[in-house]
Amino acid sequence: HLCLRNDIDHLFAAGSKAHTAYPLRVVFREIRHEGGPQV
């Protein structure tokens, strides 16, 4: 689960990508995986 405010702020900052398929919209950002879950 994405919980940290800093991670959420980075996700919605410039440089993120988005797709829509009604009734859903997804915003995503690639990050460097350094441990823990990849997604």
PDB file of all heavy atoms in Angstrom:
ATOM      1  N   HIS A   1       0.854  -1.187   0.000  1.00  0.00           N
ATOM      2  CA  HIS A   1       0.000   0.000   0.000  1.00  0.00           C
ATOM      3  C   HIS A   1       0.891   1.239   0.000  1.00  0.00           C
ATOM      4  O   HIS A   1       1.867   1.305   0.749  1.00  0.00           O
ATOM      5  CB  HIS A   1      -0.906   0.026   1.227  1.00  0.00           C
ATOM      6  CG  HIS A   1      -1.940  -1.047   1.231  1.00  0.00           C
ATOM      7  ND1 HIS A   1      -3.277  -0.767   1.306  1.00  0.00           N
ATOM      8  CD2 HIS A   1      -1.853  -2.389   1.161  1.00  0.00           C
ATOM      9  CE1 HIS A   1      -3.965  -1.896   1.285  1.00  0.00           C
ATOM     10  NE2 HIS A   1      -3.109  -2.894   1.202  1.00  0.00           N
ATOM     11  N   LEU A   2       0.557   2.200  -0.800  1.00  0.00           N
ATOM     12  CA  LEU A   2       1.292   3.455  -0.862  1.00  0.00           C
ATOM     13  C   LEU A   2       0.731   4.370   0.217  1.00  0.00           C
ATOM     14  O   LEU A   2      -0.395   4.859   0.100  1.00  0.00           O
ATOM     15  CB  LEU A   2       1.144   4.081  -2.251  1.00  0.00           C
ATOM     16  CG  LEU A   2       1.961   5.318  -2.544  1.00  0.00           C
ATOM     17  CD1 LEU A   2       3.448   5.001  -2.464  1.00  0.00           C
ATOM     18  CD2 LEU A   2       1.625   5.845  -3.911  1.00  0.00           C
ATOM     19  N   CYS A   3       1.505   4.596   1.278  1.00  0.00           N
ATOM     20  CA  CYS A   3       0.992   5.322   2.435  1.00  0.00           C
ATOM     21  C   CYS A   3       1.759   6.604   2.750  1.00  0.00           C
ATOM     22  O   CYS A   3       1.185   7.533   3.311  1.00  0.00           O
ATOM     23  CB  CYS A   3       1.028   4.428   3.669  1.00  0.00           C
ATOM     24  SG  CYS A   3       0.013   2.954   3.529  1.00  0.00           S
ATOM     25  N   LEU A   4       3.032   6.653   2.442  1.00  0.00           N
ATOM     26  CA  LEU A   4       3.852   7.792   2.838  1.00  0.00           C
ATOM     27  C   LEU A   4       3.476   9.046   2.051  1.00  0.00           C
ATOM     28  O   LEU A   4       3.386   9.023   0.827  1.00  0.00           O
ATOM     29  CB  LEU A   4       5.333   7.483   2.643  1.00  0.00           C
ATOM     30  CG  LEU A   4       5.892   6.355   3.495  1.00  0.00           C
ATOM     31  CD1 LEU A   4       7.348   6.102   3.143  1.00  0.00           C
ATOM     32  CD2 LEU A   4       5.757   6.675   4.973  1.00  0.00           C
ATOM     33  N   ARG A   5       3.290  10.143   2.764  1.00  0.00           N
ATOM     34  CA  ARG A   5       2.890  11.402   2.141  1.00  0.00           C
ATOM     35  C   ARG A   5       3.903  11.853   1.100  1.00  0.00           C
ATOM     36  O   ARG A   5       3.537  12.344   0.034  1.00  0.00           O
ATOM     37  CB  ARG A   5       2.709  12.484   3.194  1.00  0.00           C
ATOM     38  CG  ARG A   5       2.310  13.823   2.594  1.00  0.00           C
ATOM     39  CD  ARG A   5       2.018  14.850   3.639  1.00  0.00           C
ATOM     40  NE  ARG A   5       0.842  14.557   4.421  1.00  0.00           N
ATOM     41  CZ  ARG A   5      -0.400  14.885   4.047  1.00  0.00           C
ATOM     42  NH1 ARG A   5      -0.605  15.489   2.906  1.00  0.00           N
ATOM     43  NH2 ARG A   5      -1.429  14.597   4.806  1.00  0.00           N
ATOM     44  N   ASN A   6       5.174  11.663   1.380  1.00  0.00           N
ATOM     45  CA  ASN A   6       6.223  12.060   0.445  1.00  0.00           C
ATOM     46  C   ASN A   6       6.114  11.278  -0.869  1.00  0.00           C
ATOM     47  O   ASN A   6       6.240  11.858  -1.953  1.00  0.00           O
ATOM     48  CB  ASN A   6       7.595  11.851   1.091  1.00  0.00           C
ATOM     49  CG  ASN A   6       8.691  12.560   0.356  1.00  0.00           C
ATOM     50  OD1 ASN A   6       8.455  13.553  -0.308  1.00  0.00           O
ATOM     51  ND2 ASN A   6       9.905  12.047   0.488  1.00  0.00           N
ATOM     52  N   ASP A   7       5.874   9.980  -0.777  1.00  0.00           N
ATOM     53  CA  ASP A   7       5.708   9.155  -1.982  1.00  0.00           C
ATOM     54  C   ASP A   7       4.466   9.567  -2.766  1.00  0.00           C
ATOM     55  O   ASP A   7       4.483   9.623  -4.004  1.00  0.00           O
ATOM     56  CB  ASP A   7       5.610   7.670  -1.610  1.00  0.00           C
ATOM     57  CG  ASP A   7       6.928   7.095  -1.136  1.00  0.00           C
ATOM     58  OD1 ASP A   7       7.983   7.716  -1.405  1.00  0.00           O
ATOM     59  OD2 ASP A   7       6.905   6.026  -0.501  1.00  0.00           O
ATOM     60  N   ILE A   8       3.395   9.880  -2.058  1.00  0.00           N
ATOM     61  CA  ILE A   8       2.152  10.293  -2.717  1.00  0.00           C
ATOM     62  C   ILE A   8       2.345  11.635  -3.412  1.00  0.00           C
ATOM     63  O   ILE A   8       1.903  11.833  -4.546  1.00  0.00           O
ATOM     64  CB  ILE A   8       0.991  10.333  -1.707  1.00  0.00           C
ATOM     65  CG1 ILE A   8       0.698   8.921  -1.189  1.00  0.00           C
ATOM     66  CG2 ILE A   8      -0.259  10.938  -2.329  1.00  0.00           C
ATOM     67  CD1 ILE A   8      -0.249   8.865  -0.014  1.00  0.00           C
ATOM     68  N   ASP A   9       3.044  12.560  -2.751  1.00  0.00           N
ATOM     69  CA  ASP A   9       3.314  13.867  -3.361  1.00  0.00           C
ATOM     70  C   ASP A   9       4.148  13.716  -4.633  1.00  0.00           C
ATOM     71  O   ASP A   9       3.883  14.369  -5.635  1.00  0.00           O
ATOM     72  CB  ASP A   9       4.035  14.784  -2.370  1.00  0.00           C
ATOM     73  CG  ASP A   9       3.128  15.253  -1.241  1.00  0.00           C
ATOM     74  OD1 ASP A   9       1.888  15.161  -1.402  1.00  0.00           O
ATOM     75  OD2 ASP A   9       3.663  15.701  -0.203  1.00  0.00           O
ATOM     76  N   HIS A  10       5.161  12.844  -4.592  1.00  0.00           N
ATOM     77  CA  HIS A  10       5.983  12.597  -5.784  1.00  0.00           C
ATOM     78  C   HIS A  10       5.158  11.965  -6.896  1.00  0.00           C
ATOM     79  O   HIS A  10       5.368  12.258  -8.075  1.00  0.00           O
ATOM     80  CB  HIS A  10       7.177  11.711  -5.456  1.00  0.00           C
ATOM     81  CG  HIS A  10       8.255  12.407  -4.705  1.00  0.00           C
ATOM     82  ND1 HIS A  10       8.831  13.588  -5.125  1.00  0.00           N
ATOM     83  CD2 HIS A  10       8.864  12.098  -3.538  1.00  0.00           C
ATOM     84  CE1 HIS A  10       9.740  13.970  -4.268  1.00  0.00           C
ATOM     85  NE2 HIS A  10       9.788  13.084  -3.283  1.00  0.00           N
ATOM     86  N   LEU A  11       4.227  11.093  -6.525  1.00  0.00           N
ATOM     87  CA  LEU A  11       3.397  10.421  -7.526  1.00  0.00           C
ATOM     88  C   LEU A  11       2.546  11.420  -8.302  1.00  0.00           C
ATOM     89  O   LEU A  11       2.401  11.306  -9.515  1.00  0.00           O
ATOM     90  CB  LEU A  11       2.497   9.385  -6.851  1.00  0.00           C
ATOM     91  CG  LEU A  11       1.489   8.662  -7.736  1.00  0.00           C
ATOM     92  CD1 LEU A  11       2.201   7.858  -8.818  1.00  0.00           C
ATOM     93  CD2 LEU A  11       0.618   7.750  -6.907  1.00  0.00           C
ATOM     94  N   PHE A  12       2.016  12.433  -7.621  1.00  0.00           N
ATOM     95  CA  PHE A  12       1.139  13.388  -8.288  1.00  0.00           C
ATOM     96  C   PHE A  12       1.882  14.629  -8.788  1.00  0.00           C
ATOM     97  O   PHE A  12       1.260  15.556  -9.284  1.00  0.00           O
ATOM     98  CB  PHE A  12      -0.020  13.783  -7.368  1.00  0.00           C
ATOM     99  CG  PHE A  12      -1.004  12.664  -7.185  1.00  0.00           C
ATOM    100  CD1 PHE A  12      -1.016  11.908  -6.030  1.00  0.00           C
ATOM    101  CD2 PHE A  12      -1.895  12.348  -8.185  1.00  0.00           C
ATOM    102  CE1 PHE A  12      -1.912  10.864  -5.866  1.00  0.00           C
ATOM    103  CE2 PHE A  12      -2.800  11.316  -8.047  1.00  0.00           C
ATOM    104  CZ  PHE A  12      -2.807  10.567  -6.872  1.00  0.00           C
ATOM    105  N   ALA A  13       3.185  14.641  -8.672  1.00  0.00           N
ATOM    106  CA  ALA A  13       3.987  15.763  -9.175  1.00  0.00           C
ATOM    107  C   ALA A  13       4.186  15.617 -10.680  1.00  0.00           C
ATOM    108  O   ALA A  13       3.810  14.616 -11.291  1.00  0.00           O
ATOM    109  CB  ALA A  13       5.326  15.804  -8.451  1.00  0.00           C
ATOM    110  N   ALA A  14       4.811  16.635 -11.268  1.00  0.00           N
ATOM    111  CA  ALA A  14       5.100  16.592 -12.708  1.00  0.00           C
ATOM    112  C   ALA A  14       5.988  15.393 -13.020  1.00  0.00           C
ATOM    113  O   ALA A  14       6.826  14.988 -12.213  1.00  0.00           O
ATOM    114  CB  ALA A  14       5.793  17.882 -13.123  1.00  0.00           C
ATOM    115  N   GLY A  15       5.791  14.839 -14.185  1.00  0.00           N
ATOM    116  CA  GLY A  15       6.582  13.682 -14.605  1.00  0.00           C
ATOM    117  C   GLY A  15       5.852  12.363 -14.467  1.00  0.00           C
ATOM    118  O   GLY A  15       6.331  11.337 -14.925  1.00  0.00           O
ATOM    119  N   SER A  16       4.685  12.379 -13.835  1.00  0.00           N
ATOM    120  CA  SER A  16       3.885  11.164 -13.725  1.00  0.00           C
ATOM    121  C   SER A  16       3.063  10.989 -14.990  1.00  0.00           C
ATOM    122  O   SER A  16       2.799  11.935 -15.716  1.00  0.00           O
ATOM    123  CB  SER A  16       2.957  11.256 -12.516  1.00  0.00           C
ATOM    124  OG  SER A  16       3.699  11.309 -11.334  1.00  0.00           O
ATOM    125  N   LYS A  17       2.654   9.755 -15.237  1.00  0.00           N
ATOM    126  CA  LYS A  17       1.838   9.449 -16.408  1.00  0.00           C
ATOM    127  C   LYS A  17       0.484   8.961 -15.926  1.00  0.00           C
ATOM    128  O   LYS A  17       0.352   8.487 -14.809  1.00  0.00           O
ATOM    129  CB  LYS A  17       2.533   8.379 -17.240  1.00  0.00           C
ATOM    130  CG  LYS A  17       3.903   8.826 -17.735  1.00  0.00           C
ATOM    131  CD  LYS A  17       4.654   7.662 -18.329  1.00  0.00           C
ATOM    132  CE  LYS A  17       6.066   8.059 -18.631  1.00  0.00           C
ATOM    133  NZ  LYS A  17       6.988   7.757 -17.555  1.00  0.00           N
ATOM    134  N   ALA A  18      -0.521   9.057 -16.799  1.00  0.00           N
ATOM    135  CA  ALA A  18      -1.874   8.656 -16.409  1.00  0.00           C
ATOM    136  C   ALA A  18      -2.602   8.022 -17.589  1.00  0.00           C
ATOM    137  O   ALA A  18      -2.329   8.342 -18.749  1.00  0.00           O
ATOM    138  CB  ALA A  18      -2.650   9.855 -15.899  1.00  0.00           C
ATOM    139  N   HIS A  19      -3.512   7.124 -17.261  1.00  0.00           N
ATOM    140  CA  HIS A  19      -4.405   6.510 -18.238  1.00  0.00           C
ATOM    141  C   HIS A  19      -5.799   6.471 -17.615  1.00  0.00           C
ATOM    142  O   HIS A  19      -5.937   6.375 -16.401  1.00  0.00           O
ATOM    143  CB  HIS A  19      -3.975   5.084 -18.587  1.00  0.00           C
ATOM    144  CG  HIS A  19      -2.681   4.984 -19.305  1.00  0.00           C
ATOM    145  ND1 HIS A  19      -2.488   5.477 -20.572  1.00  0.00           N
ATOM    146  CD2 HIS A  19      -1.496   4.448 -18.932  1.00  0.00           C
ATOM    147  CE1 HIS A  19      -1.251   5.229 -20.959  1.00  0.00           C
ATOM    148  NE2 HIS A  19      -0.625   4.613 -19.958  1.00  0.00           N
ATOM    149  N   THR A  20      -6.802   6.482 -18.468  1.00  0.00           N
ATOM    150  CA  THR A  20      -8.180   6.418 -18.001  1.00  0.00           C
ATOM    151  C   THR A  20      -8.931   5.327 -18.749  1.00  0.00           C
ATOM    152  O   THR A  20      -8.805   5.193 -19.958  1.00  0.00           O
ATOM    153  CB  THR A  20      -8.894   7.770 -18.230  1.00  0.00           C
ATOM    154  OG1 THR A  20      -8.164   8.788 -17.552  1.00  0.00           O
ATOM    155  CG2 THR A  20     -10.314   7.732 -17.718  1.00  0.00           C
ATOM    156  N   ALA A  21      -9.684   4.552 -18.000  1.00  0.00           N
ATOM    157  CA  ALA A  21     -10.630   3.579 -18.546  1.00  0.00           C
ATOM    158  C   ALA A  21     -11.849   3.661 -17.623  1.00  0.00           C
ATOM    159  O   ALA A  21     -11.832   3.095 -16.533  1.00  0.00           O
ATOM    160  CB  ALA A  21     -10.040   2.173 -18.571  1.00  0.00           C
ATOM    161  N   TYR A  22     -12.840   4.427 -18.051  1.00  0.00           N
ATOM    162  CA  TYR A  22     -13.981   4.707 -17.196  1.00  0.00           C
ATOM    163  C   TYR A  22     -14.553   3.429 -16.615  1.00  0.00           C
ATOM    164  O   TYR A  22     -14.737   2.466 -17.359  1.00  0.00           O
ATOM    165  CB  TYR A  22     -15.060   5.457 -17.999  1.00  0.00           C
ATOM    166  CG  TYR A  22     -16.150   6.032 -17.152  1.00  0.00           C
ATOM    167  CD1 TYR A  22     -15.962   7.235 -16.502  1.00  0.00           C
ATOM    168  CD2 TYR A  22     -17.340   5.349 -16.982  1.00  0.00           C
ATOM    169  CE1 TYR A  22     -16.960   7.766 -15.708  1.00  0.00           C
ATOM    170  CE2 TYR A  22     -18.337   5.875 -16.187  1.00  0.00           C
ATOM    171  CZ  TYR A  22     -18.139   7.077 -15.547  1.00  0.00           C
ATOM    172  OH  TYR A  22     -19.115   7.599 -14.759  1.00  0.00           O
ATOM    173  N   PRO A  23     -14.756   3.323 -15.347  1.00  0.00           N
ATOM    174  CA  PRO A  23     -14.844   4.296 -14.272  1.00  0.00           C
ATOM    175  C   PRO A  23     -13.556   4.497 -13.471  1.00  0.00           C
ATOM    176  O   PRO A  23     -13.607   4.954 -12.336  1.00  0.00           O
ATOM    177  CB  PRO A  23     -15.908   3.696 -13.374  1.00  0.00           C
ATOM    178  CG  PRO A  23     -15.642   2.227 -13.461  1.00  0.00           C
ATOM    179  CD  PRO A  23     -15.230   2.012 -14.895  1.00  0.00           C
ATOM    180  N   LEU A  24     -12.393   4.153 -14.027  1.00  0.00           N
ATOM    181  CA  LEU A  24     -11.129   4.267 -13.290  1.00  0.00           C
ATOM    182  C   LEU A  24     -10.135   5.166 -14.005  1.00  0.00           C
ATOM    183  O   LEU A  24     -10.152   5.274 -15.226  1.00  0.00           O
ATOM    184  CB  LEU A  24     -10.490   2.889 -13.113  1.00  0.00           C
ATOM    185  CG  LEU A  24     -11.315   1.820 -12.417  1.00  0.00           C
ATOM    186  CD1 LEU A  24     -10.574   0.501 -12.439  1.00  0.00           C
ATOM    187  CD2 LEU A  24     -11.639   2.234 -11.008  1.00  0.00           C
ATOM    188  N   ARG A  25      -9.261   5.754 -13.222  1.00  0.00           N
ATOM    189  CA  ARG A  25      -8.122   6.497 -13.741  1.00  0.00           C
ATOM    190  C   ARG A  25      -6.924   6.039 -12.930  1.00  0.00           C
ATOM    191  O   ARG A  25      -7.013   5.859 -11.718  1.00  0.00           O
ATOM    192  CB  ARG A  25      -8.338   7.994 -13.562  1.00  0.00           C
ATOM    193  CG  ARG A  25      -7.151   8.838 -14.004  1.00  0.00           C
ATOM    194  CD  ARG A  25      -7.495  10.324 -13.884  1.00  0.00           C
ATOM    195  NE  ARG A  25      -6.371  11.171 -14.164  1.00  0.00           N
ATOM    196  CZ  ARG A  25      -5.948  11.493 -15.386  1.00  0.00           C
ATOM    197  NH1 ARG A  25      -6.587  11.024 -16.441  1.00  0.00           N
ATOM    198  NH2 ARG A  25      -4.909  12.276 -15.557  1.00  0.00           N
ATOM    199  N   VAL A  26      -5.812   5.835 -13.612  1.00  0.00           N
ATOM    200  CA  VAL A  26      -4.597   5.444 -12.914  1.00  0.00           C
ATOM    201  C   VAL A  26      -3.512   6.477 -13.201  1.00  0.00           C
ATOM    202  O   VAL A  26      -3.357   6.935 -14.324  1.00  0.00           O
ATOM    203  CB  VAL A  26      -4.135   4.020 -13.307  1.00  0.00           C
ATOM    204  CG1 VAL A  26      -3.736   3.933 -14.763  1.00  0.00           C
ATOM    205  CG2 VAL A  26      -3.000   3.553 -12.426  1.00  0.00           C
ATOM    206  N   VAL A  27      -2.816   6.864 -12.155  1.00  0.00           N
ATOM    207  CA  VAL A  27      -1.643   7.732 -12.260  1.00  0.00           C
ATOM    208  C   VAL A  27      -0.481   6.880 -11.783  1.00  0.00           C
ATOM    209  O   VAL A  27      -0.567   6.224 -10.739  1.00  0.00           O
ATOM    210  CB  VAL A  27      -1.793   8.990 -11.372  1.00  0.00           C
ATOM    211  CG1 VAL A  27      -0.535   9.836 -11.419  1.00  0.00           C
ATOM    212  CG2 VAL A  27      -2.998   9.793 -11.798  1.00  0.00           C
ATOM    213  N   PHE A  28       0.602   6.868 -12.557  1.00  0.00           N
ATOM    214  CA  PHE A  28       1.724   6.031 -12.162  1.00  0.00           C
ATOM    215  C   PHE A  28       3.045   6.734 -12.411  1.00  0.00           C
ATOM    216  O   PHE A  28       3.150   7.643 -13.214  1.00  0.00           O
ATOM    217  CB  PHE A  28       1.692   4.676 -12.877  1.00  0.00           C
ATOM    218  CG  PHE A  28       1.834   4.742 -14.364  1.00  0.00           C
ATOM    219  CD1 PHE A  28       3.061   4.496 -14.961  1.00  0.00           C
ATOM    220  CD2 PHE A  28       0.748   5.029 -15.176  1.00  0.00           C
ATOM    221  CE1 PHE A  28       3.191   4.545 -16.335  1.00  0.00           C
ATOM    222  CE2 PHE A  28       0.871   5.076 -16.538  1.00  0.00           C
ATOM    223  CZ  PHE A  28       2.103   4.841 -17.131  1.00  0.00           C
ATOM    224  N   ARG A  29       4.041   6.301 -11.664  1.00  0.00           N
ATOM    225  CA  ARG A  29       5.380   6.868 -11.764  1.00  0.00           C
ATOM    226  C   ARG A  29       6.383   5.740 -11.564  1.00  0.00           C
ATOM    227  O   ARG A  29       6.266   4.964 -10.619  1.00  0.00           O
ATOM    228  CB  ARG A  29       5.563   7.942 -10.696  1.00  0.00           C
ATOM    229  CG  ARG A  29       6.891   8.634 -10.768  1.00  0.00           C
ATOM    230  CD  ARG A  29       6.999   9.677  -9.648  1.00  0.00           C
ATOM    231  NE  ARG A  29       8.057  10.594  -9.945  1.00  0.00           N
ATOM    232  CZ  ARG A  29       7.898  11.790 -10.478  1.00  0.00           C
ATOM    233  NH1 ARG A  29       6.707  12.218 -10.762  1.00  0.00           N
ATOM    234  NH2 ARG A  29       8.937  12.558 -10.712  1.00  0.00           N
ATOM    235  N   GLU A  30       7.359   5.684 -12.454  1.00  0.00           N
ATOM    236  CA  GLU A  30       8.412   4.689 -12.305  1.00  0.00           C
ATOM    237  C   GLU A  30       9.398   5.165 -11.253  1.00  0.00           C
ATOM    238  O   GLU A  30       9.725   6.343 -11.186  1.00  0.00           O
ATOM    239  CB  GLU A  30       9.133   4.472 -13.632  1.00  0.00           C
ATOM    240  CG  GLU A  30       8.283   3.750 -14.642  1.00  0.00           C
ATOM    241  CD  GLU A  30       9.058   3.401 -15.887  1.00  0.00           C
ATOM    242  OE1 GLU A  30      10.122   2.765 -15.760  1.00  0.00           O
ATOM    243  OE2 GLU A  30       8.597   3.785 -16.961  1.00  0.00           O
ATOM    244  N   ILE A  31       9.850   4.238 -10.434  1.00  0.00           N
ATOM    245  CA  ILE A  31      10.825   4.536  -9.396  1.00  0.00           C
ATOM    246  C   ILE A  31      11.937   3.504  -9.460  1.00  0.00           C
ATOM    247  O   ILE A  31      11.810   2.478 -10.135  1.00  0.00           O
ATOM    248  CB  ILE A  31      10.178   4.533  -7.991  1.00  0.00           C
ATOM    249  CG1 ILE A  31       9.560   3.165  -7.701  1.00  0.00           C
ATOM    250  CG2 ILE A  31       9.166   5.635  -7.848  1.00  0.00           C
ATOM    251  CD1 ILE A  31       9.254   2.928  -6.260  1.00  0.00           C
ATOM    252  N   ARG A  32      12.990   3.781  -8.769  1.00  0.00           N
ATOM    253  CA  ARG A  32      14.085   2.818  -8.663  1.00  0.00           C
ATOM    254  C   ARG A  32      13.779   1.886  -7.491  1.00  0.00           C
ATOM    255  O   ARG A  32      13.539   2.331  -6.375  1.00  0.00           O
ATOM    256  CB  ARG A  32      15.398   3.549  -8.439  1.00  0.00           C
ATOM    257  CG  ARG A  32      16.579   2.652  -8.389  1.00  0.00           C
ATOM    258  CD  ARG A  32      17.857   3.472  -8.526  1.00  0.00           C
ATOM    259  NE  ARG A  32      19.029   2.650  -8.393  1.00  0.00           N
ATOM    260  CZ  ARG A  32      19.499   1.851  -9.336  1.00  0.00           C
ATOM    261  NH1 ARG A  32      18.862   1.767 -10.486  1.00  0.00           N
ATOM    262  NH2 ARG A  32      20.576   1.131  -9.145  1.00  0.00           N
ATOM    263  N   HIS A  33      13.764   0.598  -7.765  1.00  0.00           N
ATOM    264  CA  HIS A  33      13.444  -0.401  -6.741  1.00  0.00           C
ATOM    265  C   HIS A  33      14.702  -0.704  -5.937  1.00  0.00           C
ATOM    266  O   HIS A  33      15.709  -1.133  -6.482  1.00  0.00           O
ATOM    267  CB  HIS A  33      12.905  -1.678  -7.408  1.00  0.00           C
ATOM    268  CG  HIS A  33      12.599  -2.756  -6.426  1.00  0.00           C
ATOM    269  ND1 HIS A  33      13.318  -3.902  -6.356  1.00  0.00           N
ATOM    270  CD2 HIS A  33      11.657  -2.837  -5.461  1.00  0.00           C
ATOM    271  CE1 HIS A  33      12.840  -4.659  -5.395  1.00  0.00           C
ATOM    272  NE2 HIS A  33      11.828  -4.033  -4.847  1.00  0.00           N
ATOM    273  N   GLU A  34      14.625  -0.452  -4.639  1.00  0.00           N
ATOM    274  CA  GLU A  34      15.794  -0.669  -3.779  1.00  0.00           C
ATOM    275  C   GLU A  34      15.509  -1.632  -2.636  1.00  0.00           C
ATOM    276  O   GLU A  34      16.322  -1.779  -1.742  1.00  0.00           O
ATOM    277  CB  GLU A  34      16.266   0.681  -3.221  1.00  0.00           C
ATOM    278  CG  GLU A  34      16.711   1.629  -4.313  1.00  0.00           C
ATOM    279  CD  GLU A  34      16.899   3.035  -3.809  1.00  0.00           C
ATOM    280  OE1 GLU A  34      16.498   3.319  -2.658  1.00  0.00           O
ATOM    281  OE2 GLU A  34      17.442   3.841  -4.570  1.00  0.00           O
ATOM    282  N   GLY A  35      14.385  -2.266  -2.633  1.00  0.00           N
ATOM    283  CA  GLY A  35      14.017  -3.181  -1.562  1.00  0.00           C
ATOM    284  C   GLY A  35      12.535  -3.080  -1.285  1.00  0.00           C
ATOM    285  O   GLY A  35      11.908  -2.074  -1.600  1.00  0.00           O
ATOM    286  N   GLY A  36      11.974  -4.100  -0.700  1.00  0.00           N
ATOM    287  CA  GLY A  36      10.539  -4.110  -0.447  1.00  0.00           C
ATOM    288  C   GLY A  36       9.777  -4.461  -1.712  1.00  0.00           C
ATOM    289  O   GLY A  36      10.342  -4.950  -2.691  1.00  0.00           O
ATOM    290  N   PRO A  37       8.477  -4.184  -1.736  1.00  0.00           N
ATOM    291  CA  PRO A  37       7.683  -4.514  -2.921  1.00  0.00           C
ATOM    292  C   PRO A  37       8.042  -3.624  -4.112  1.00  0.00           C
ATOM    293  O   PRO A  37       8.374  -2.456  -3.946  1.00  0.00           O
ATOM    294  CB  PRO A  37       6.250  -4.280  -2.474  1.00  0.00           C
ATOM    295  CG  PRO A  37       6.317  -3.544  -1.200  1.00  0.00           C
ATOM    296  CD  PRO A  37       7.688  -3.671  -0.645  1.00  0.00           C
ATOM    297  N   GLN A  38       7.978  -4.195  -5.303  1.00  0.00           N
ATOM    298  CA  GLN A  38       8.282  -3.455  -6.522  1.00  0.00           C
ATOM    299  C   GLN A  38       7.174  -2.482  -6.883  1.00  0.00           C
ATOM    300  O   GLN A  38       7.426  -1.459  -7.494  1.00  0.00           O
ATOM    301  CB  GLN A  38       8.487  -4.407  -7.704  1.00  0.00           C
ATOM    302  CG  GLN A  38       9.871  -4.980  -7.786  1.00  0.00           C
ATOM    303  CD  GLN A  38      10.031  -5.772  -9.066  1.00  0.00           C
ATOM    304  OE1 GLN A  38       9.387  -6.801  -9.229  1.00  0.00           O
ATOM    305  NE2 GLN A  38      10.866  -5.290  -9.951  1.00  0.00           N
ATOM    306  N   VAL A  39       5.942  -2.810  -6.545  1.00  0.00           N
ATOM    307  CA  VAL A  39       4.795  -1.980  -6.894  1.00  0.00           C
ATOM    308  C   VAL A  39       4.057  -1.605  -5.616  1.00  0.00           C
ATOM    309  O   VAL A  39       3.742  -2.461  -4.796  1.00  0.00           O
ATOM    310  CB  VAL A  39       3.832  -2.722  -7.849  1.00  0.00           C
ATOM    311  CG1 VAL A  39       2.640  -1.855  -8.182  1.00  0.00           C
ATOM    312  CG2 VAL A  39       4.555  -3.157  -9.103  1.00  0.00           C
TER     313      VAL A  39
END
